[in-house]
């Protein structure tokens, strides 16, 4: 009887010490155990009526098996009387609490919802569909590398979201069954991450294309249509001709090395004098040499166009080529970085940021703003939209029409002078 009481009280005393309470009814068990160790005596757990030296059955860091309640021994332990006078309900509640805590950890015996939420993206079979879609955009639709990267990232975010939302592995069938409510939930999650109307509209456009591609692969109906947010199309903010030239000259003067300054000046004059995109300018190769009155440019979707080359722009490029310490082979980049590699667009953006700060220009003065200035100034001098569309390399005339809002006053003057009833 004493042995069974000691065993019951020993566990209670140890749990009590973990809570900051001395074991045993009078708190003398730890003191007696210390005297026994000093005298060289060792008591067995059954010899101590208060059971203070009994080790804990629950070790720190050990895992509690949630199935232990099925063990008959657990049931016998619950029915055992407690000498400390604690109610059996306390022990039951503590056992249930430990078991529920263990159940919160997902077991690896099957794909439960918590385990699916922790899966990596490559474990979903739909991940291969996002790769196929990216290849389709590059090969068949001839999208730019930036567009493909952004659209593929959106598709992968949708796959990861559906894996957590549905708590299952996402395959072609799961993507084909996406409804409008799930698309709204995905956009709501992206909204919570801080994206605006323009980014949400781009995400929705990418989702439509991806789900339409999946529907074509699966042979099912097209995905549900969802109205996107309204996006206010802002008018481009051009810089004046004097400011455009001042930016190029300031970048030349503030460069660390003379040839680097000549390089930055040549690139910036290309953006303003020929209307090139920053990616098109840094993508030129030595095949463009020797320079003539025109320049062949490869733009988006690998489309080529011919742009005129002003004498001042041609002179700036030739001055850079003469001072550049690196070779200008036919298949090598025309504009080089400091260590001889291809010039990164970020280097030109950094030079423009420094120039606009020194010249006290607007923060919207960027390399792309020089391209806007090229289009706006040509339109203001009487260029027609079709010719401007060819110079800019726009696939649609609607992309070129945004520049008409910049020079509305000039168009009003043209209307008044040309219309017979004006």
Protein backbone atom coordinates (compact mmCIF):
# COMPACT_ATOMS: atom_id res chain seq x y z
CA UNK A 1 0.00 0.00 0.00
CA UNK A 2 2.86 2.32 0.90
CA UNK A 3 4.58 1.48 -2.36
CA UNK A 4 1.54 2.35 -4.42
CA UNK A 5 1.07 5.56 -2.48
CA UNK A 6 4.69 6.49 -2.99
CA UNK A 7 4.46 5.93 -6.68
CA UNK A 8 1.36 8.08 -6.98
CA UNK A 9 2.76 10.86 -4.85
CA UNK A 10 6.20 10.77 -6.46
CA UNK A 11 4.86 11.80 -9.83
CA UNK A 12 2.76 14.51 -8.20
CA UNK A 13 5.74 15.85 -6.25
CA UNK A 14 7.90 16.18 -9.36
CA UNK A 15 5.16 17.90 -11.29
CA UNK A 16 4.68 20.20 -8.32
CA UNK A 17 8.40 21.11 -8.31
CA UNK A 18 8.17 22.01 -11.98
CA UNK A 19 5.46 24.47 -11.01
CA UNK A 20 7.59 25.97 -8.25
CA UNK A 21 6.06 23.94 -5.34
CA UNK A 22 8.04 21.67 -3.04
CA UNK A 23 7.29 17.96 -3.35
CA UNK A 24 5.44 16.11 -0.65
CA UNK A 25 2.88 17.35 1.81
CA UNK A 26 5.38 19.07 4.14
CA UNK A 27 8.14 19.88 1.62
CA UNK A 28 10.70 17.73 3.49
CA UNK A 29 11.35 15.19 0.72
CA UNK A 30 14.06 17.20 -1.10
CA UNK A 31 15.89 17.85 2.21
CA UNK A 32 15.78 14.17 3.21
CA UNK A 33 17.07 13.16 -0.22
CA UNK A 34 20.03 15.54 0.16
CA UNK A 35 20.94 14.06 3.60
CA UNK A 36 20.70 10.56 2.18
CA UNK A 37 23.08 11.40 -0.70
CA UNK A 38 25.55 12.96 1.74
CA UNK A 39 25.46 9.83 3.93
CA UNK A 40 25.94 7.54 0.93
CA UNK A 41 22.52 6.01 1.19
CA UNK A 42 20.31 5.60 -1.83
CA UNK A 43 16.61 5.16 -1.43
CA UNK A 44 14.56 3.33 -3.97
CA UNK A 45 11.35 5.02 -5.12
CA UNK A 46 9.29 2.52 -3.17
CA UNK A 47 11.18 3.06 0.13
CA UNK A 48 10.26 6.75 0.41
CA UNK A 49 6.67 7.06 1.61
CA UNK A 50 6.49 10.56 0.17
CA UNK A 51 8.05 9.45 -3.12
CA UNK A 52 10.14 12.62 -3.58
CA UNK A 53 13.01 10.89 -5.40
CA UNK A 54 10.94 9.21 -8.06
CA UNK A 55 11.97 10.34 -11.59
CA UNK A 56 9.38 12.02 -13.78
CA UNK A 57 7.67 9.85 -16.39
CA UNK A 58 7.58 12.94 -18.68
CA UNK A 59 11.04 14.06 -19.83
CA UNK A 60 11.74 17.56 -21.03
CA UNK A 61 11.74 17.63 -24.83
CA UNK A 62 10.09 14.21 -25.19
CA UNK A 63 7.09 13.77 -27.46
CA UNK A 64 3.77 12.68 -26.07
CA UNK A 65 2.10 9.99 -28.12
CA UNK A 66 -1.53 11.02 -28.67
CA UNK A 67 -2.45 7.34 -28.93
CA UNK A 68 -1.25 6.57 -25.42
CA UNK A 69 -4.80 7.00 -24.10
CA UNK A 70 -5.65 3.75 -25.83
CA UNK A 71 -3.16 1.86 -23.61
CA UNK A 72 -4.99 -0.01 -20.82
CA UNK A 73 -2.16 0.94 -18.47
CA UNK A 74 -3.16 4.59 -18.83
CA UNK A 75 -6.66 3.74 -17.80
CA UNK A 76 -5.38 1.83 -14.74
CA UNK A 77 -3.22 4.82 -13.81
CA UNK A 78 -6.27 7.08 -13.92
CA UNK A 79 -8.19 4.77 -11.59
CA UNK A 80 -5.28 4.68 -9.11
CA UNK A 81 -6.03 6.70 -5.95
CA UNK A 82 -3.97 9.86 -5.40
CA UNK A 83 -2.53 10.18 -1.84
CA UNK A 84 -2.04 13.91 -2.34
CA UNK A 85 -5.78 14.34 -2.50
CA UNK A 86 -5.97 15.67 -6.04
CA UNK A 87 -9.12 14.97 -7.98
CA UNK A 88 -8.89 12.47 -10.78
CA UNK A 89 -10.34 15.08 -13.13
CA UNK A 90 -7.15 17.16 -12.80
CA UNK A 91 -5.05 14.27 -14.03
CA UNK A 92 -7.47 13.64 -16.88
CA UNK A 93 -7.40 17.24 -17.97
CA UNK A 94 -3.60 17.31 -17.92
CA UNK A 95 -3.43 14.09 -19.96
CA UNK A 96 -5.88 15.44 -22.50
CA UNK A 97 -3.94 18.71 -22.70
CA UNK A 98 -0.67 16.91 -23.44
CA UNK A 99 -2.35 14.67 -25.99
CA UNK A 100 -3.99 17.61 -27.78
CA UNK A 101 -0.66 19.43 -27.88
CA UNK A 102 0.87 16.40 -29.56
CA UNK A 103 -2.00 16.20 -32.01
CA UNK A 104 -1.27 19.77 -33.11
CA UNK A 105 1.98 18.51 -34.60
CA UNK A 106 1.22 16.96 -38.02
CA UNK A 107 2.11 13.31 -38.34
CA UNK A 108 4.09 12.19 -41.37
CA UNK A 109 2.04 9.08 -41.94
CA UNK A 110 -0.11 10.75 -44.62
CA UNK A 111 -0.81 14.02 -46.39
CA UNK A 112 -2.92 15.84 -43.85
CA UNK A 113 -3.83 19.49 -44.27
CA UNK A 114 -1.00 20.77 -42.08
CA UNK A 115 1.55 18.70 -43.94
CA UNK A 116 0.31 19.89 -47.35
CA UNK A 117 0.65 23.48 -46.17
CA UNK A 118 4.35 22.82 -45.54
CA UNK A 119 5.03 21.23 -48.90
CA UNK A 120 7.45 22.95 -51.22
CA UNK A 121 6.16 24.30 -54.50
CA UNK A 122 7.91 21.63 -56.56
CA UNK A 123 5.97 18.88 -54.77
CA UNK A 124 2.74 20.01 -56.46
CA UNK A 125 2.34 18.42 -59.85
CA UNK A 126 0.91 21.71 -61.13
CA UNK A 127 4.38 23.22 -60.79
CA UNK A 128 5.31 21.62 -64.11
CA UNK A 129 2.32 23.38 -65.71
CA UNK A 130 3.68 26.76 -64.66
CA UNK A 131 6.99 25.89 -66.30
CA UNK A 132 5.21 24.79 -69.49
CA UNK A 133 3.24 28.02 -69.51
CA UNK A 134 6.41 30.09 -69.17
CA UNK A 135 7.92 28.21 -72.11
CA UNK A 136 4.72 28.84 -74.10
CA UNK A 137 4.91 32.57 -73.38
CA UNK A 138 8.54 32.70 -74.48
CA UNK A 139 8.30 30.49 -77.54
CA UNK A 140 4.80 31.03 -78.92
CA UNK A 141 3.73 34.42 -77.58
CA UNK A 142 7.23 35.94 -77.78
CA UNK A 143 6.85 37.76 -74.50
CA UNK A 144 9.77 39.58 -72.97
CA UNK A 145 11.87 37.95 -70.26
CA UNK A 146 10.50 40.34 -67.62
CA UNK A 147 6.88 39.54 -68.54
CA UNK A 148 7.54 35.79 -68.49
CA UNK A 149 9.23 35.99 -65.11
CA UNK A 150 6.39 38.05 -63.59
CA UNK A 151 3.61 35.87 -65.04
CA UNK A 152 5.30 32.64 -63.96
CA UNK A 153 5.70 34.00 -60.44
CA UNK A 154 1.97 34.77 -60.33
CA UNK A 155 1.12 31.22 -61.44
CA UNK A 156 3.33 29.75 -58.74
CA UNK A 157 1.79 31.98 -56.10
CA UNK A 158 -1.65 30.71 -57.12
CA UNK A 159 -0.52 27.08 -56.84
CA UNK A 160 0.92 27.66 -53.38
CA UNK A 161 -2.23 29.50 -52.29
CA UNK A 162 -4.53 26.73 -53.49
CA UNK A 163 -2.39 24.13 -51.72
CA UNK A 164 -2.98 25.89 -48.40
CA UNK A 165 -6.56 26.90 -49.16
CA UNK A 166 -7.72 23.42 -50.14
CA UNK A 167 -5.21 21.49 -48.00
CA UNK A 168 -4.37 19.15 -50.85
CA UNK A 169 -1.86 18.59 -53.59
CA UNK A 170 -2.60 20.74 -56.62
CA UNK A 171 -2.66 19.09 -60.03
CA UNK A 172 -4.17 19.90 -63.42
CA UNK A 173 -7.65 18.91 -62.30
CA UNK A 174 -7.49 21.16 -59.25
CA UNK A 175 -6.43 24.13 -61.37
CA UNK A 176 -9.16 23.44 -63.93
CA UNK A 177 -11.80 23.55 -61.17
CA UNK A 178 -10.82 26.95 -59.75
CA UNK A 179 -13.88 29.14 -59.31
CA UNK A 180 -14.38 32.88 -58.99
CA UNK A 181 -14.53 32.76 -55.18
CA UNK A 182 -11.05 31.27 -54.97
CA UNK A 183 -9.71 33.88 -57.36
CA UNK A 184 -11.19 36.62 -55.18
CA UNK A 185 -9.63 35.02 -52.12
CA UNK A 186 -6.24 34.95 -53.84
CA UNK A 187 -6.50 38.61 -54.83
CA UNK A 188 -7.59 39.47 -51.29
CA UNK A 189 -4.46 37.77 -49.95
CA UNK A 190 -2.33 39.75 -52.40
CA UNK A 191 -4.11 42.94 -51.33
CA UNK A 192 -3.16 42.23 -47.73
CA UNK A 193 0.45 42.02 -48.88
CA UNK A 194 0.22 45.63 -50.03
CA UNK A 195 -0.22 45.57 -53.82
CA UNK A 196 -2.18 48.36 -55.52
CA UNK A 197 -4.78 48.44 -58.27
CA UNK A 198 -2.28 48.26 -61.11
CA UNK A 199 -0.48 45.25 -59.62
CA UNK A 200 -3.79 43.51 -58.82
CA UNK A 201 -4.96 44.02 -62.40
CA UNK A 202 -1.70 42.57 -63.70
CA UNK A 203 -2.02 39.58 -61.36
CA UNK A 204 -5.56 38.95 -62.59
CA UNK A 205 -4.46 39.21 -66.21
CA UNK A 206 -1.71 36.65 -65.57
CA UNK A 207 -4.17 34.33 -63.80
CA UNK A 208 -6.58 34.47 -66.73
CA UNK A 209 -3.86 33.52 -69.16
CA UNK A 210 -2.52 30.73 -66.97
CA UNK A 211 -5.92 29.19 -66.22
CA UNK A 212 -6.87 29.42 -69.90
CA UNK A 213 -3.66 27.57 -70.75
CA UNK A 214 -4.49 24.88 -68.16
CA UNK A 215 -8.05 24.59 -69.48
CA UNK A 216 -6.69 24.04 -72.97
CA UNK A 217 -4.36 21.34 -71.72
CA UNK A 218 -7.11 19.62 -69.72
CA UNK A 219 -9.77 19.99 -72.42
CA UNK A 220 -12.30 21.69 -70.14
CA UNK A 221 -14.26 24.92 -70.26
CA UNK A 222 -12.53 28.25 -69.92
CA UNK A 223 -11.98 29.61 -66.39
CA UNK A 224 -14.51 31.97 -64.79
CA UNK A 225 -14.38 35.64 -65.70
CA UNK A 226 -13.64 38.06 -62.93
CA UNK A 227 -13.79 41.82 -63.21
CA UNK A 228 -10.55 43.48 -62.22
CA UNK A 229 -9.98 46.72 -60.34
CA UNK A 230 -10.07 50.04 -62.09
CA UNK A 231 -6.67 51.35 -63.05
CA UNK A 232 -6.25 55.02 -63.78
CA UNK A 233 -3.94 55.47 -66.73
CA UNK A 234 -1.66 58.36 -65.94
CA UNK A 235 -0.11 60.56 -68.56
CA UNK A 236 3.67 60.28 -69.06
CA UNK A 237 5.80 62.94 -67.38
CA UNK A 238 8.42 64.08 -69.90
CA UNK A 239 11.42 66.26 -69.13
CA UNK A 240 12.38 69.32 -71.10
CA UNK A 241 14.99 69.08 -73.89
CA UNK A 242 17.50 71.08 -71.85
CA UNK A 243 17.05 68.84 -68.79
CA UNK A 244 17.46 65.70 -70.90
CA UNK A 245 20.81 66.91 -72.24
CA UNK A 246 21.85 68.17 -68.79
CA UNK A 247 21.28 64.71 -67.29
CA UNK A 248 23.57 63.10 -69.86
CA UNK A 249 26.30 65.70 -69.35
CA UNK A 250 26.09 65.49 -65.56
CA UNK A 251 26.43 61.69 -65.67
CA UNK A 252 29.53 62.16 -67.83
CA UNK A 253 31.14 64.64 -65.47
CA UNK A 254 30.43 62.70 -62.25
CA UNK A 255 31.71 59.32 -63.44
CA UNK A 256 34.72 57.71 -61.78
CA UNK A 257 36.56 57.08 -65.04
CA UNK A 258 36.46 59.02 -68.31
CA UNK A 259 35.35 56.07 -70.42
CA UNK A 260 32.56 55.27 -67.96
CA UNK A 261 31.28 58.84 -68.24
CA UNK A 262 31.33 58.64 -72.02
CA UNK A 263 29.42 55.35 -71.85
CA UNK A 264 26.68 56.76 -69.61
CA UNK A 265 26.34 59.84 -71.76
CA UNK A 266 26.03 57.77 -74.94
CA UNK A 267 23.35 55.53 -73.43
CA UNK A 268 21.28 58.44 -72.10
CA UNK A 269 21.46 60.28 -75.40
CA UNK A 270 20.28 57.11 -77.13
CA UNK A 271 17.24 56.99 -74.86
CA UNK A 272 16.28 60.58 -75.61
CA UNK A 273 17.56 60.95 -79.17
CA UNK A 274 16.28 57.63 -80.55
CA UNK A 275 13.49 56.71 -78.12
CA UNK A 276 15.03 53.41 -77.05
CA UNK A 277 14.06 51.45 -73.99
CA UNK A 278 16.83 50.96 -71.44
CA UNK A 279 16.90 47.22 -72.16
CA UNK A 280 17.18 47.84 -75.89
CA UNK A 281 20.07 50.25 -75.43
CA UNK A 282 22.19 47.99 -73.22
CA UNK A 283 21.34 45.03 -75.48
CA UNK A 284 23.10 46.50 -78.52
CA UNK A 285 26.07 44.53 -79.79
CA UNK A 286 29.15 45.34 -81.82
CA UNK A 287 27.19 44.41 -84.95
CA UNK A 288 25.79 47.96 -84.90
CA UNK A 289 29.26 49.31 -85.79
CA UNK A 290 30.16 51.19 -87.88
CA UNK A 291 27.32 53.62 -87.22
CA UNK A 292 25.28 55.20 -89.97
CA UNK A 293 22.22 57.38 -90.20
CA UNK A 294 19.98 54.63 -88.81
CA UNK A 295 20.20 51.96 -86.16
CA UNK A 296 18.57 48.52 -86.12
CA UNK A 297 17.08 47.79 -82.69
CA UNK A 298 15.66 44.52 -81.34
CA UNK A 299 12.72 45.28 -79.06
CA UNK A 300 10.03 43.34 -77.26
CA UNK A 301 8.99 39.93 -78.60
CA UNK A 302 12.24 39.91 -80.62
CA UNK A 303 10.81 42.41 -83.09
CA UNK A 304 13.29 44.62 -84.94
CA UNK A 305 12.79 48.20 -86.02
CA UNK A 306 14.88 50.91 -87.60
CA UNK A 307 15.33 54.23 -85.78
CA UNK A 308 17.13 57.35 -87.03
CA UNK A 309 20.42 58.25 -85.39
CA UNK A 310 21.10 61.93 -84.76
CA UNK A 311 24.63 63.22 -85.44
CA UNK A 312 25.11 64.20 -81.79
CA UNK A 313 24.10 60.71 -80.63
CA UNK A 314 26.35 59.04 -83.17
CA UNK A 315 29.29 61.22 -82.10
CA UNK A 316 28.70 60.30 -78.43
CA UNK A 317 28.71 56.57 -79.21
CA UNK A 318 31.85 56.81 -81.33
CA UNK A 319 33.66 58.75 -78.57
CA UNK A 320 32.78 55.99 -76.10
CA UNK A 321 33.91 53.21 -78.44
CA UNK A 322 37.23 54.94 -78.93
CA UNK A 323 37.94 55.18 -75.18
CA UNK A 324 36.46 51.85 -74.10
CA UNK A 325 39.22 49.53 -72.80
CA UNK A 326 37.29 46.42 -73.83
CA UNK A 327 36.87 44.95 -77.27
CA UNK A 328 33.91 45.61 -79.55
CA UNK A 329 33.43 42.28 -81.27
CA UNK A 330 30.43 41.68 -83.46
CA UNK A 331 28.74 39.33 -81.00
CA UNK A 332 29.95 41.16 -77.88
CA UNK A 333 27.95 43.80 -75.98
CA UNK A 334 28.48 47.32 -77.24
CA UNK A 335 28.16 48.91 -73.80
CA UNK A 336 30.36 47.27 -71.18
CA UNK A 337 30.39 47.29 -67.43
CA UNK A 338 33.39 48.33 -65.36
CA UNK A 339 34.77 44.76 -65.34
CA UNK A 340 34.07 44.06 -68.99
CA UNK A 341 30.72 42.32 -68.73
CA UNK A 342 27.43 43.42 -70.22
CA UNK A 343 26.18 46.72 -68.85
CA UNK A 344 23.35 46.37 -66.35
CA UNK A 345 20.34 48.70 -66.65
CA UNK A 346 20.59 49.38 -62.92
CA UNK A 347 23.89 51.19 -63.49
CA UNK A 348 22.17 53.69 -65.79
CA UNK A 349 19.26 54.07 -63.36
CA UNK A 350 21.72 54.83 -60.58
CA UNK A 351 23.45 57.45 -62.72
CA UNK A 352 20.10 59.12 -63.46
CA UNK A 353 19.15 59.15 -59.77
CA UNK A 354 22.40 60.91 -58.92
CA UNK A 355 22.00 63.41 -61.77
CA UNK A 356 18.42 64.33 -60.91
CA UNK A 357 19.38 64.90 -57.27
CA UNK A 358 22.22 67.23 -58.26
CA UNK A 359 20.03 69.02 -60.82
CA UNK A 360 17.00 69.23 -58.46
CA UNK A 361 14.70 67.40 -60.87
CA UNK A 362 11.56 65.43 -60.11
CA UNK A 363 11.77 61.91 -58.74
CA UNK A 364 9.83 60.77 -61.78
CA UNK A 365 12.86 61.60 -63.93
CA UNK A 366 13.97 58.09 -64.88
CA UNK A 367 15.65 56.55 -67.94
CA UNK A 368 12.21 55.63 -69.26
CA UNK A 369 11.11 59.25 -68.84
CA UNK A 370 13.69 60.14 -71.51
CA UNK A 371 11.85 57.82 -73.91
CA UNK A 372 8.59 59.56 -72.97
CA UNK A 373 10.25 62.89 -73.70
CA UNK A 374 11.31 61.65 -77.13
CA UNK A 375 7.73 60.72 -78.02
CA UNK A 376 6.16 63.82 -76.50
CA UNK A 377 8.51 66.26 -78.20
CA UNK A 378 8.07 64.59 -81.59
CA UNK A 379 4.28 64.67 -81.23
CA UNK A 380 4.44 68.31 -80.23
CA UNK A 381 6.40 69.11 -83.39
CA UNK A 382 3.77 67.58 -85.66
CA UNK A 383 4.65 63.88 -85.90
CA UNK A 384 1.68 61.62 -86.62
CA UNK A 385 0.74 58.73 -84.38
CA UNK A 386 1.44 56.00 -86.94
CA UNK A 387 5.00 57.17 -87.51
CA UNK A 388 5.52 57.56 -83.78
CA UNK A 389 4.21 54.04 -83.24
CA UNK A 390 6.84 52.64 -85.60
CA UNK A 391 9.65 54.63 -83.96
CA UNK A 392 8.66 53.50 -80.47
CA UNK A 393 8.05 49.88 -81.46
CA UNK A 394 4.52 49.70 -80.03
CA UNK A 395 2.48 46.70 -81.08
CA UNK A 396 -0.80 48.59 -80.62
CA UNK A 397 -1.65 52.15 -81.51
CA UNK A 398 -3.47 52.52 -78.19
CA UNK A 399 -0.09 52.42 -76.45
CA UNK A 400 1.03 55.39 -78.50
CA UNK A 401 -2.17 57.35 -77.93
CA UNK A 402 -1.28 57.97 -74.27
CA UNK A 403 1.10 60.67 -75.47
CA UNK A 404 -1.77 62.65 -76.94
CA UNK A 405 -2.89 63.62 -73.44
CA UNK A 406 0.49 65.23 -72.80
CA UNK A 407 0.21 67.69 -75.65
CA UNK A 408 -3.54 68.26 -75.70
CA UNK A 409 -3.06 71.98 -76.18
CA UNK A 410 -1.06 71.42 -79.36
CA UNK A 411 -3.69 69.02 -80.73
CA UNK A 412 -6.37 71.60 -80.02
CA UNK A 413 -4.44 74.15 -82.06
CA UNK A 414 -4.12 71.66 -84.94
CA UNK A 415 -7.88 71.03 -84.80
CA UNK A 416 -8.68 74.72 -84.91
CA UNK A 417 -6.38 75.32 -87.84
CA UNK A 418 -7.46 72.28 -89.87
CA UNK A 419 -11.21 71.98 -89.28
CA UNK A 420 -13.27 74.11 -91.68
CA UNK A 421 -15.89 74.92 -89.05
CA UNK A 422 -13.51 75.60 -86.20
